[in-house]
C-alpha atoms as a PDB file:
ATOM      1  CA  UNK A   1     -12.877  -0.640  -6.836  1.00  0.00           C
ATOM      2  CA  UNK A   2     -10.920  -2.687  -8.778  1.00  0.00           C
ATOM      3  CA  UNK A   3      -6.865  -2.618  -8.618  1.00  0.00           C
ATOM      4  CA  UNK A   4      -4.223  -3.813 -11.365  1.00  0.00           C
ATOM      5  CA  UNK A   5      -0.965  -5.550 -10.567  1.00  0.00           C
ATOM      6  CA  UNK A   6       0.864  -1.808 -10.411  1.00  0.00           C
ATOM      7  CA  UNK A   7      -1.416  -1.194  -7.458  1.00  0.00           C
ATOM      8  CA  UNK A   8       0.846  -3.860  -5.548  1.00  0.00           C
ATOM      9  CA  UNK A   9       4.005  -1.513  -5.860  1.00  0.00           C
ATOM     10  CA  UNK A  10       4.790   0.813  -3.166  1.00  0.00           C
ATOM     11  CA  UNK A  11       5.823   4.160  -4.878  1.00  0.00           C
ATOM     12  CA  UNK A  12       7.687   7.032  -3.331  1.00  0.00           C
ATOM     13  CA  UNK A  13       7.038  10.514  -4.658  1.00  0.00           C
ATOM     14  CA  UNK A  14       9.739  13.195  -3.926  1.00  0.00           C
ATOM     15  CA  UNK A  15       9.244  16.747  -4.208  1.00  0.00           C
ATOM     16  CA  UNK A  16      12.059  19.391  -3.669  1.00  0.00           C
ATOM     17  CA  UNK A  17      11.306  22.364  -1.418  1.00  0.00           C
ATOM     18  CA  UNK A  18      12.415  25.717  -2.457  1.00  0.00           C
ATOM     19  CA  UNK A  19      12.357  28.734  -0.102  1.00  0.00           C
ATOM     20  CA  UNK A  20       9.687  31.473  -1.075  1.00  0.00           C
ATOM     21  CA  UNK A  21      10.166  34.897  -0.376  1.00  0.00           C
ATOM     22  CA  UNK A  22       7.821  34.898   2.562  1.00  0.00           C
ATOM     23  CA  UNK A  23       9.991  31.872   4.250  1.00  0.00           C
ATOM     24  CA  UNK A  24      13.173  33.733   3.342  1.00  0.00           C
ATOM     25  CA  UNK A  25      11.832  36.676   5.296  1.00  0.00           C
ATOM     26  CA  UNK A  26      10.932  34.294   8.200  1.00  0.00           C
ATOM     27  CA  UNK A  27      14.328  32.753   8.216  1.00  0.00           C
ATOM     28  CA  UNK A  28      15.981  36.103   8.723  1.00  0.00           C
ATOM     29  CA  UNK A  29      13.965  36.320  11.831  1.00  0.00           C
ATOM     30  CA  UNK A  30      15.105  32.605  13.158  1.00  0.00           C
ATOM     31  CA  UNK A  31      17.990  31.679  15.382  1.00  0.00           C
ATOM     32  CA  UNK A  32      21.494  31.611  13.888  1.00  0.00           C
ATOM     33  CA  UNK A  33      21.570  27.599  14.212  1.00  0.00           C
ATOM     34  CA  UNK A  34      18.553  26.813  12.259  1.00  0.00           C
ATOM     35  CA  UNK A  35      19.325  29.753   9.722  1.00  0.00           C
ATOM     36  CA  UNK A  36      22.671  28.102   9.123  1.00  0.00           C
ATOM     37  CA  UNK A  37      21.313  24.730   8.509  1.00  0.00           C
ATOM     38  CA  UNK A  38      18.527  26.112   6.225  1.00  0.00           C
ATOM     39  CA  UNK A  39      20.908  27.993   4.119  1.00  0.00           C
ATOM     40  CA  UNK A  40      24.289  26.065   4.142  1.00  0.00           C
ATOM     41  CA  UNK A  41      23.378  22.614   4.033  1.00  0.00           C
ATOM     42  CA  UNK A  42      21.063  22.311   0.997  1.00  0.00           C
ATOM     43  CA  UNK A  43      24.131  23.490  -0.797  1.00  0.00           C
ATOM     44  CA  UNK A  44      26.108  20.612   0.742  1.00  0.00           C
ATOM     45  CA  UNK A  45      23.948  18.026  -0.651  1.00  0.00           C
ATOM     46  CA  UNK A  46      21.645  18.011   2.101  1.00  0.00           C
ATOM     47  CA  UNK A  47      18.505  19.401   0.345  1.00  0.00           C
ATOM     48  CA  UNK A  48      14.752  19.589   1.625  1.00  0.00           C
ATOM     49  CA  UNK A  49      12.288  17.349   0.308  1.00  0.00           C
ATOM     50  CA  UNK A  50       8.688  16.489   0.803  1.00  0.00           C
ATOM     51  CA  UNK A  51       7.495  12.895   0.113  1.00  0.00           C
ATOM     52  CA  UNK A  52       4.134  11.021  -0.257  1.00  0.00           C
ATOM     53  CA  UNK A  53       3.666   7.405  -0.890  1.00  0.00           C
ATOM     54  CA  UNK A  54       1.426   5.540  -3.443  1.00  0.00           C
ATOM     55  CA  UNK A  55      -0.394   2.449  -2.082  1.00  0.00           C
ATOM     56  CA  UNK A  56      -3.246   0.501  -3.491  1.00  0.00           C
ATOM     57  CA  UNK A  57      -4.453   3.220  -5.754  1.00  0.00           C
ATOM     58  CA  UNK A  58      -4.274   6.072  -3.188  1.00  0.00           C
ATOM     59  CA  UNK A  59      -1.646   8.620  -2.201  1.00  0.00           C
ATOM     60  CA  UNK A  60      -0.675   9.159   1.516  1.00  0.00           C
ATOM     61  CA  UNK A  61       1.318  11.758   3.193  1.00  0.00           C
ATOM     62  CA  UNK A  62       1.823  13.633   6.681  1.00  0.00           C
ATOM     63  CA  UNK A  63       2.031  17.204   7.653  1.00  0.00           C
ATOM     64  CA  UNK A  64       0.457  19.692  10.196  1.00  0.00           C
ATOM     65  CA  UNK A  65      -2.960  18.376  10.758  1.00  0.00           C
ATOM     66  CA  UNK A  66      -2.148  14.681  10.513  1.00  0.00           C
ATOM     67  CA  UNK A  67      -2.281  11.976   7.827  1.00  0.00           C
ATOM     68  CA  UNK A  68      -3.872  12.718   4.517  1.00  0.00           C
ATOM     69  CA  UNK A  69      -5.047  10.544   1.662  1.00  0.00           C
ATOM     70  CA  UNK A  70      -5.975  11.386  -1.853  1.00  0.00           C
ATOM     71  CA  UNK A  71      -6.394   9.417  -5.006  1.00  0.00           C
ATOM     72  CA  UNK A  72      -3.179   8.593  -7.069  1.00  0.00           C
ATOM     73  CA  UNK A  73      -4.295  10.912  -9.973  1.00  0.00           C
ATOM     74  CA  UNK A  74      -4.595  13.926  -7.597  1.00  0.00           C
ATOM     75  CA  UNK A  75      -1.460  13.673  -5.610  1.00  0.00           C
ATOM     76  CA  UNK A  76       0.242  16.392  -7.292  1.00  0.00           C
ATOM     77  CA  UNK A  77      -2.511  18.721  -6.385  1.00  0.00           C
ATOM     78  CA  UNK A  78      -1.962  18.444  -2.540  1.00  0.00           C
ATOM     79  CA  UNK A  79       1.672  19.294  -2.008  1.00  0.00           C
ATOM     80  CA  UNK A  80       3.463  22.212   0.119  1.00  0.00           C
ATOM     81  CA  UNK A  81       3.839  25.611  -1.538  1.00  0.00           C
ATOM     82  CA  UNK A  82       6.856  25.782  -3.589  1.00  0.00           C
ATOM     83  CA  UNK A  83       7.441  22.312  -4.141  1.00  0.00           C
ATOM     84  CA  UNK A  84       8.448  21.045  -7.304  1.00  0.00           C
ATOM     85  CA  UNK A  85       8.152  17.390  -8.198  1.00  0.00           C
ATOM     86  CA  UNK A  86      11.619  15.588  -8.600  1.00  0.00           C
ATOM     87  CA  UNK A  87      10.906  11.906  -9.257  1.00  0.00           C
ATOM     88  CA  UNK A  88       8.974   8.620  -8.154  1.00  0.00           C
ATOM     89  CA  UNK A  89      10.728   5.837  -6.943  1.00  0.00           C
ATOM     90  CA  UNK A  90       9.364   2.359  -6.583  1.00  0.00           C
ATOM     91  CA  UNK A  91      10.304   0.819  -3.304  1.00  0.00           C
ATOM     92  CA  UNK A  92       9.122  -2.511  -3.628  1.00  0.00           C
ATOM     93  CA  UNK A  93       5.803  -4.788  -3.716  1.00  0.00           C
ATOM     94  CA  UNK A  94       3.320  -4.938  -1.009  1.00  0.00           C
ATOM     95  CA  UNK A  95       4.241  -7.730   1.126  1.00  0.00           C
ATOM     96  CA  UNK A  96       1.959  -7.838   4.272  1.00  0.00           C
ATOM     97  CA  UNK A  97       2.375 -10.445   6.830  1.00  0.00           C
ATOM     98  CA  UNK A  98      -0.761 -12.544   6.097  1.00  0.00           C
ATOM     99  CA  UNK A  99      -0.585 -13.910   2.518  1.00  0.00           C
ATOM    100  CA  UNK A 100      -4.181 -13.480   1.701  1.00  0.00           C
ATOM    101  CA  UNK A 101      -4.568 -10.812  -1.241  1.00  0.00           C
ATOM    102  CA  UNK A 102      -8.356 -10.414  -0.065  1.00  0.00           C
ATOM    103  CA  UNK A 103      -7.150  -8.890   3.250  1.00  0.00           C
ATOM    104  CA  UNK A 104      -4.727  -6.378   1.667  1.00  0.00           C
ATOM    105  CA  UNK A 105      -7.093  -3.661   1.701  1.00  0.00           C
ATOM    106  CA  UNK A 106      -8.282  -4.159   5.416  1.00  0.00           C
ATOM    107  CA  UNK A 107      -4.568  -4.642   6.493  1.00  0.00           C
ATOM    108  CA  UNK A 108      -3.370  -1.273   4.917  1.00  0.00           C
ATOM    109  CA  UNK A 109      -6.560   0.302   6.499  1.00  0.00           C
ATOM    110  CA  UNK A 110      -5.553  -1.138   9.778  1.00  0.00           C
ATOM    111  CA  UNK A 111      -1.946  -0.078   9.308  1.00  0.00           C
ATOM    112  CA  UNK A 112      -2.431   3.447   8.428  1.00  0.00           C
ATOM    113  CA  UNK A 113      -5.003   3.645  11.464  1.00  0.00           C
ATOM    114  CA  UNK A 114      -2.032   2.561  13.976  1.00  0.00           C
ATOM    115  CA  UNK A 115      -0.011   5.078  12.452  1.00  0.00           C
ATOM    116  CA  UNK A 116      -2.621   7.840  12.839  1.00  0.00           C
ATOM    117  CA  UNK A 117      -3.503   7.041  16.283  1.00  0.00           C
ATOM    118  CA  UNK A 118      -0.051   5.898  17.824  1.00  0.00           C
ATOM    119  CA  UNK A 119       2.824   7.636  15.983  1.00  0.00           C
ATOM    120  CA  UNK A 120       1.787  10.262  13.217  1.00  0.00           C
ATOM    121  CA  UNK A 121      -0.994  12.090  15.062  1.00  0.00           C
ATOM    122  CA  UNK A 122      -2.814  15.038  14.118  1.00  0.00           C
ATOM    123  CA  UNK A 123      -0.472  17.428  16.592  1.00  0.00           C
ATOM    124  CA  UNK A 124       2.527  15.214  16.451  1.00  0.00           C
ATOM    125  CA  UNK A 125       4.183  16.726  13.209  1.00  0.00           C
ATOM    126  CA  UNK A 126       7.727  18.207  13.962  1.00  0.00           C
ATOM    127  CA  UNK A 127      10.034  19.313  10.882  1.00  0.00           C
ATOM    128  CA  UNK A 128      13.029  17.574  12.213  1.00  0.00           C
ATOM    129  CA  UNK A 129      11.786  14.706  14.404  1.00  0.00           C
ATOM    130  CA  UNK A 130       8.569  13.604  12.737  1.00  0.00           C
ATOM    131  CA  UNK A 131       7.908  14.885   9.388  1.00  0.00           C
ATOM    132  CA  UNK A 132       6.678  13.585   5.824  1.00  0.00           C
ATOM    133  CA  UNK A 133       9.621  11.726   5.244  1.00  0.00           C
ATOM    134  CA  UNK A 134       9.717   9.823   8.373  1.00  0.00           C
ATOM    135  CA  UNK A 135       6.093   9.052   7.730  1.00  0.00           C
ATOM    136  CA  UNK A 136       6.649   7.657   4.117  1.00  0.00           C
ATOM    137  CA  UNK A 137       9.725   5.698   5.411  1.00  0.00           C
ATOM    138  CA  UNK A 138       7.807   3.882   8.362  1.00  0.00           C
ATOM    139  CA  UNK A 139       4.630   3.233   6.267  1.00  0.00           C
ATOM    140  CA  UNK A 140       6.829   1.655   3.292  1.00  0.00           C
ATOM    141  CA  UNK A 141       8.795  -0.423   6.000  1.00  0.00           C
ATOM    142  CA  UNK A 142       5.473  -1.956   7.522  1.00  0.00           C
ATOM    143  CA  UNK A 143       4.322  -2.805   4.040  1.00  0.00           C
ATOM    144  CA  UNK A 144       7.106  -4.109   2.182  1.00  0.00           C
ATOM    145  CA  UNK A 145       9.276  -5.898   4.939  1.00  0.00           C
ATOM    146  CA  UNK A 146       6.976  -6.791   7.621  1.00  0.00           C
ATOM    147  CA  UNK A 147       8.292 -10.172   7.900  1.00  0.00           C
ATOM    148  CA  UNK A 148      11.555  -8.820   8.625  1.00  0.00           C
ATOM    149  CA  UNK A 149      10.370  -6.624  11.409  1.00  0.00           C
ATOM    150  CA  UNK A 150       9.585 -10.165  13.435  1.00  0.00           C
ATOM    151  CA  UNK A 151      13.615 -10.474  13.685  1.00  0.00           C
ATOM    152  CA  UNK A 152      15.235  -9.247  16.935  1.00  0.00           C
ATOM    153  CA  UNK A 153      17.460  -6.754  14.846  1.00  0.00           C
ATOM    154  CA  UNK A 154      15.618  -6.222  11.469  1.00  0.00           C
ATOM    155  CA  UNK A 155      17.346  -4.568   8.607  1.00  0.00           C
ATOM    156  CA  UNK A 156      16.222  -1.023   7.334  1.00  0.00           C
ATOM    157  CA  UNK A 157      14.245  -0.794   4.152  1.00  0.00           C
ATOM    158  CA  UNK A 158      17.124  -0.512   1.678  1.00  0.00           C
ATOM    159  CA  UNK A 159      15.052   0.822  -1.235  1.00  0.00           C
ATOM    160  CA  UNK A 160      14.155   3.922   0.686  1.00  0.00           C
ATOM    161  CA  UNK A 161      17.096   6.633  -0.083  1.00  0.00           C
ATOM    162  CA  UNK A 162      18.816   8.166   2.693  1.00  0.00           C
ATOM    163  CA  UNK A 163      19.429  11.633   1.304  1.00  0.00           C
ATOM    164  CA  UNK A 164      15.748  12.241   1.463  1.00  0.00           C
ATOM    165  CA  UNK A 165      15.698  12.962   5.339  1.00  0.00           C
ATOM    166  CA  UNK A 166      19.280  13.605   5.802  1.00  0.00           C
ATOM    167  CA  UNK A 167      18.818  17.320   6.413  1.00  0.00           C
ATOM    168  CA  UNK A 168      16.406  16.611   9.365  1.00  0.00           C
ATOM    169  CA  UNK A 169      18.754  13.820  10.669  1.00  0.00           C
ATOM    170  CA  UNK A 170      21.765  16.112  10.576  1.00  0.00           C
ATOM    171  CA  UNK A 171      19.978  19.308  11.973  1.00  0.00           C
ATOM    172  CA  UNK A 172      18.409  17.193  14.596  1.00  0.00           C
ATOM    173  CA  UNK A 173      21.724  15.734  15.931  1.00  0.00           C
ATOM    174  CA  UNK A 174      23.299  19.113  16.082  1.00  0.00           C
ATOM    175  CA  UNK A 175      20.170  20.935  17.762  1.00  0.00           C
ATOM    176  CA  UNK A 176      20.045  18.170  20.415  1.00  0.00           C
ATOM    177  CA  UNK A 177      23.742  18.959  21.160  1.00  0.00           C
ATOM    178  CA  UNK A 178      23.098  22.686  21.049  1.00  0.00           C
ATOM    179  CA  UNK A 179      19.853  22.518  23.071  1.00  0.00           C
ATOM    180  CA  UNK A 180      16.155  22.521  22.056  1.00  0.00           C
ATOM    181  CA  UNK A 181      14.904  25.071  19.670  1.00  0.00           C
ATOM    182  CA  UNK A 182      11.325  25.872  19.007  1.00  0.00           C
ATOM    183  CA  UNK A 183      11.926  28.523  16.243  1.00  0.00           C
ATOM    184  CA  UNK A 184      11.663  26.268  13.212  1.00  0.00           C
ATOM    185  CA  UNK A 185       9.073  26.112  10.310  1.00  0.00           C
ATOM    186  CA  UNK A 186       7.283  23.435   8.845  1.00  0.00           C
ATOM    187  CA  UNK A 187       7.415  22.240   4.928  1.00  0.00           C
ATOM    188  CA  UNK A 188       4.766  24.972   4.095  1.00  0.00           C
ATOM    189  CA  UNK A 189       6.279  27.677   6.312  1.00  0.00           C
ATOM    190  CA  UNK A 190       3.735  27.507   9.126  1.00  0.00           C
ATOM    191  CA  UNK A 191       4.921  27.078  12.740  1.00  0.00           C
ATOM    192  CA  UNK A 192       4.789  23.492  14.367  1.00  0.00           C
ATOM    193  CA  UNK A 193       3.055  22.499  17.357  1.00  0.00           C
ATOM    194  CA  UNK A 194       4.524  23.548  20.625  1.00  0.00           C
ATOM    195  CA  UNK A 195       4.558  20.294  22.662  1.00  0.00           C
ATOM    196  CA  UNK A 196       7.621  18.138  22.538  1.00  0.00           C
ATOM    197  CA  UNK A 197       7.662  15.550  19.840  1.00  0.00           C
ATOM    198  CA  UNK A 198       9.729  12.288  20.289  1.00  0.00           C
ATOM    199  CA  UNK A 199      12.106  11.623  17.591  1.00  0.00           C
ATOM    200  CA  UNK A 200      10.626   8.819  15.142  1.00  0.00           C
ATOM    201  CA  UNK A 201      12.204   5.458  15.442  1.00  0.00           C
ATOM    202  CA  UNK A 202      11.376   3.882  12.063  1.00  0.00           C
ATOM    203  CA  UNK A 203      11.694   0.168  13.077  1.00  0.00           C
ATOM    204  CA  UNK A 204       9.768   0.268  16.300  1.00  0.00           C
ATOM    205  CA  UNK A 205       7.001   2.252  15.011  1.00  0.00           C
ATOM    206  CA  UNK A 206       6.742   0.050  11.607  1.00  0.00           C
ATOM    207  CA  UNK A 207       6.251  -2.723  14.097  1.00  0.00           C
ATOM    208  CA  UNK A 208       3.327  -1.031  15.781  1.00  0.00           C
ATOM    209  CA  UNK A 209       1.774  -0.079  12.375  1.00  0.00           C
ATOM    210  CA  UNK A 210       2.005  -3.517  11.112  1.00  0.00           C
ATOM    211  CA  UNK A 211       0.540  -4.998  14.610  1.00  0.00           C
ATOM    212  CA  UNK A 212       3.731  -6.885  15.222  1.00  0.00           C
ATOM    213  CA  UNK A 213       4.828  -5.304  18.546  1.00  0.00           C
ATOM    214  CA  UNK A 214       4.941  -8.215  21.128  1.00  0.00           C
ATOM    215  CA  UNK A 215       5.358 -10.673  18.347  1.00  0.00           C
ATOM    216  CA  UNK A 216       9.229 -10.831  17.753  1.00  0.00           C
ATOM    217  CA  UNK A 217      10.363 -14.303  16.856  1.00  0.00           C
ATOM    218  CA  UNK A 218       6.944 -15.459  15.859  1.00  0.00           C
ATOM    219  CA  UNK A 219       6.875 -17.374  12.507  1.00  0.00           C
ATOM    220  CA  UNK A 220       3.539 -15.823  11.097  1.00  0.00           C
ATOM    221  CA  UNK A 221       4.287 -17.596   7.458  1.00  0.00           C
ATOM    222  CA  UNK A 222       3.429 -20.897   9.272  1.00  0.00           C
ATOM    223  CA  UNK A 223       0.615 -19.193  11.214  1.00  0.00           C
ATOM    224  CA  UNK A 224      -0.910 -18.158   7.897  1.00  0.00           C
ATOM    225  CA  UNK A 225      -0.651 -21.610   6.314  1.00  0.00           C
ATOM    226  CA  UNK A 226      -2.092 -23.403   9.387  1.00  0.00           C
ATOM    227  CA  UNK A 227      -5.137 -20.696   9.417  1.00  0.00           C
ATOM    228  CA  UNK A 228      -5.530 -21.112   5.661  1.00  0.00           C
ATOM    229  CA  UNK A 229      -5.281 -25.104   6.105  1.00  0.00           C
ATOM    230  CA  UNK A 230      -8.104 -24.895   8.794  1.00  0.00           C
ATOM    231  CA  UNK A 231     -10.236 -22.531   6.631  1.00  0.00           C
ATOM    232  CA  UNK A 232     -10.016 -25.012   3.730  1.00  0.00           C
ATOM    233  CA  UNK A 233     -10.770 -28.015   5.914  1.00  0.00           C
ATOM    234  CA  UNK A 234     -13.883 -26.236   7.398  1.00  0.00           C
ATOM    235  CA  UNK A 235     -15.012 -25.462   3.894  1.00  0.00           C
ATOM    236  CA  UNK A 236     -14.692 -29.212   2.741  1.00  0.00           C
ATOM    237  CA  UNK A 237     -16.572 -30.456   5.972  1.00  0.00           C
ATOM    238  CA  UNK A 238     -19.480 -27.861   5.107  1.00  0.00           C
ATOM    239  CA  UNK A 239     -19.580 -29.150   1.450  1.00  0.00           C
ATOM    240  CA  UNK A 240     -19.819 -32.796   2.676  1.00  0.00           C
ATOM    241  CA  UNK A 241     -22.445 -31.979   4.963  1.00  0.00           C
ATOM    242  CA  UNK A 242     -24.337 -30.075   2.078  1.00  0.00           C
ATOM    243  CA  UNK A 243     -24.023 -32.825   0.062  1.00  0.00           C
ATOM    244  CA  UNK A 244     -25.175 -35.265   2.528  1.00  0.00           C
ATOM    245  CA  UNK A 245     -28.172 -33.295   3.331  1.00  0.00           C
ATOM    246  CA  UNK A 246     -28.975 -33.393  -0.391  1.00  0.00           C
ATOM    247  CA  UNK A 247     -28.758 -37.152  -0.547  1.00  0.00           C
ATOM    248  CA  UNK A 248     -31.141 -37.424   2.421  1.00  0.00           C
ATOM    249  CA  UNK A 249     -33.772 -35.515   0.496  1.00  0.00           C
ATOM    250  CA  UNK A 250     -33.364 -37.562  -2.770  1.00  0.00           C
ATOM    251  CA  UNK A 251     -34.031 -40.562  -0.194  1.00  0.00           C
ATOM    252  CA  UNK A 252     -37.146 -38.795   1.094  1.00  0.00           C
ATOM    253  CA  UNK A 253     -38.499 -38.194  -2.459  1.00  0.00           C
ATOM    254  CA  UNK A 254     -37.839 -41.622  -3.473  1.00  0.00           C
ATOM    255  CA  UNK A 255     -39.977 -42.888  -0.436  1.00  0.00           C
ATOM    256  CA  UNK A 256     -42.677 -40.413  -1.130  1.00  0.00           C
ATOM    257  CA  UNK A 257     -42.719 -41.600  -4.876  1.00  0.00           C
ATOM    258  CA  UNK A 258     -43.290 -45.169  -3.414  1.00  0.00           C
ATOM    259  CA  UNK A 259     -46.240 -44.208  -1.223  1.00  0.00           C
ATOM    260  CA  UNK A 260     -47.928 -42.296  -4.073  1.00  0.00           C
ATOM    261  CA  UNK A 261     -47.429 -45.488  -6.445  1.00  0.00           C
ATOM    262  CA  UNK A 262     -49.005 -47.849  -3.718  1.00  0.00           C
ATOM    263  CA  UNK A 263     -51.928 -45.543  -3.447  1.00  0.00           C
END
């Protein structure tokens, strides 16, 4: 499958989430704290959003059941009920640690597998602590600013809009002070898994996704250059050996020719 230069851009798709009549009925049965946040905060500029991420010709998102993947052409067909497309935002170019474009696809696969196994598991979804927006921010951070993640105090991905997950962050902070609550619903109105879910740490989990945990302070640019230089040197030596082998073959042919002439 061939990809054009646009596939190198990481694009965030944003959808507004509206309350359906069924969700409104469920909301009335929830605790007063959760009901307050789901009714009042959106009107204060803290709306509810669903997001997905376009990477290398595919669209990735996260929900109950784990990480899902579809073609970019069909991305609007796999969204929560009552979700309305708002906009697509280009977050930045694909900028993986090893500067070898032939390895882009395999490194993206490795990154998504790390996220699937260690951070955004099939049973790990939580509407406040680990939702689709946490996933897209973490995945984008690993793909766009991987080199910065090697620093002791890396910056956040500035191109990722803060308002997208503000409702979850604000609600989570309040509920942490008010005590644990389990009567919450997910993007599509279904109940989240019962087990406790640790809050997402975007920077730390992006490091793990990019395979950089334990490599803080490393200079992977120099490492990559050295690896590339070694590979080129090896190829040059192989070409030399091949050429030498060819010359010996020519010499052998000349000897055989002289033998035939002597006869």
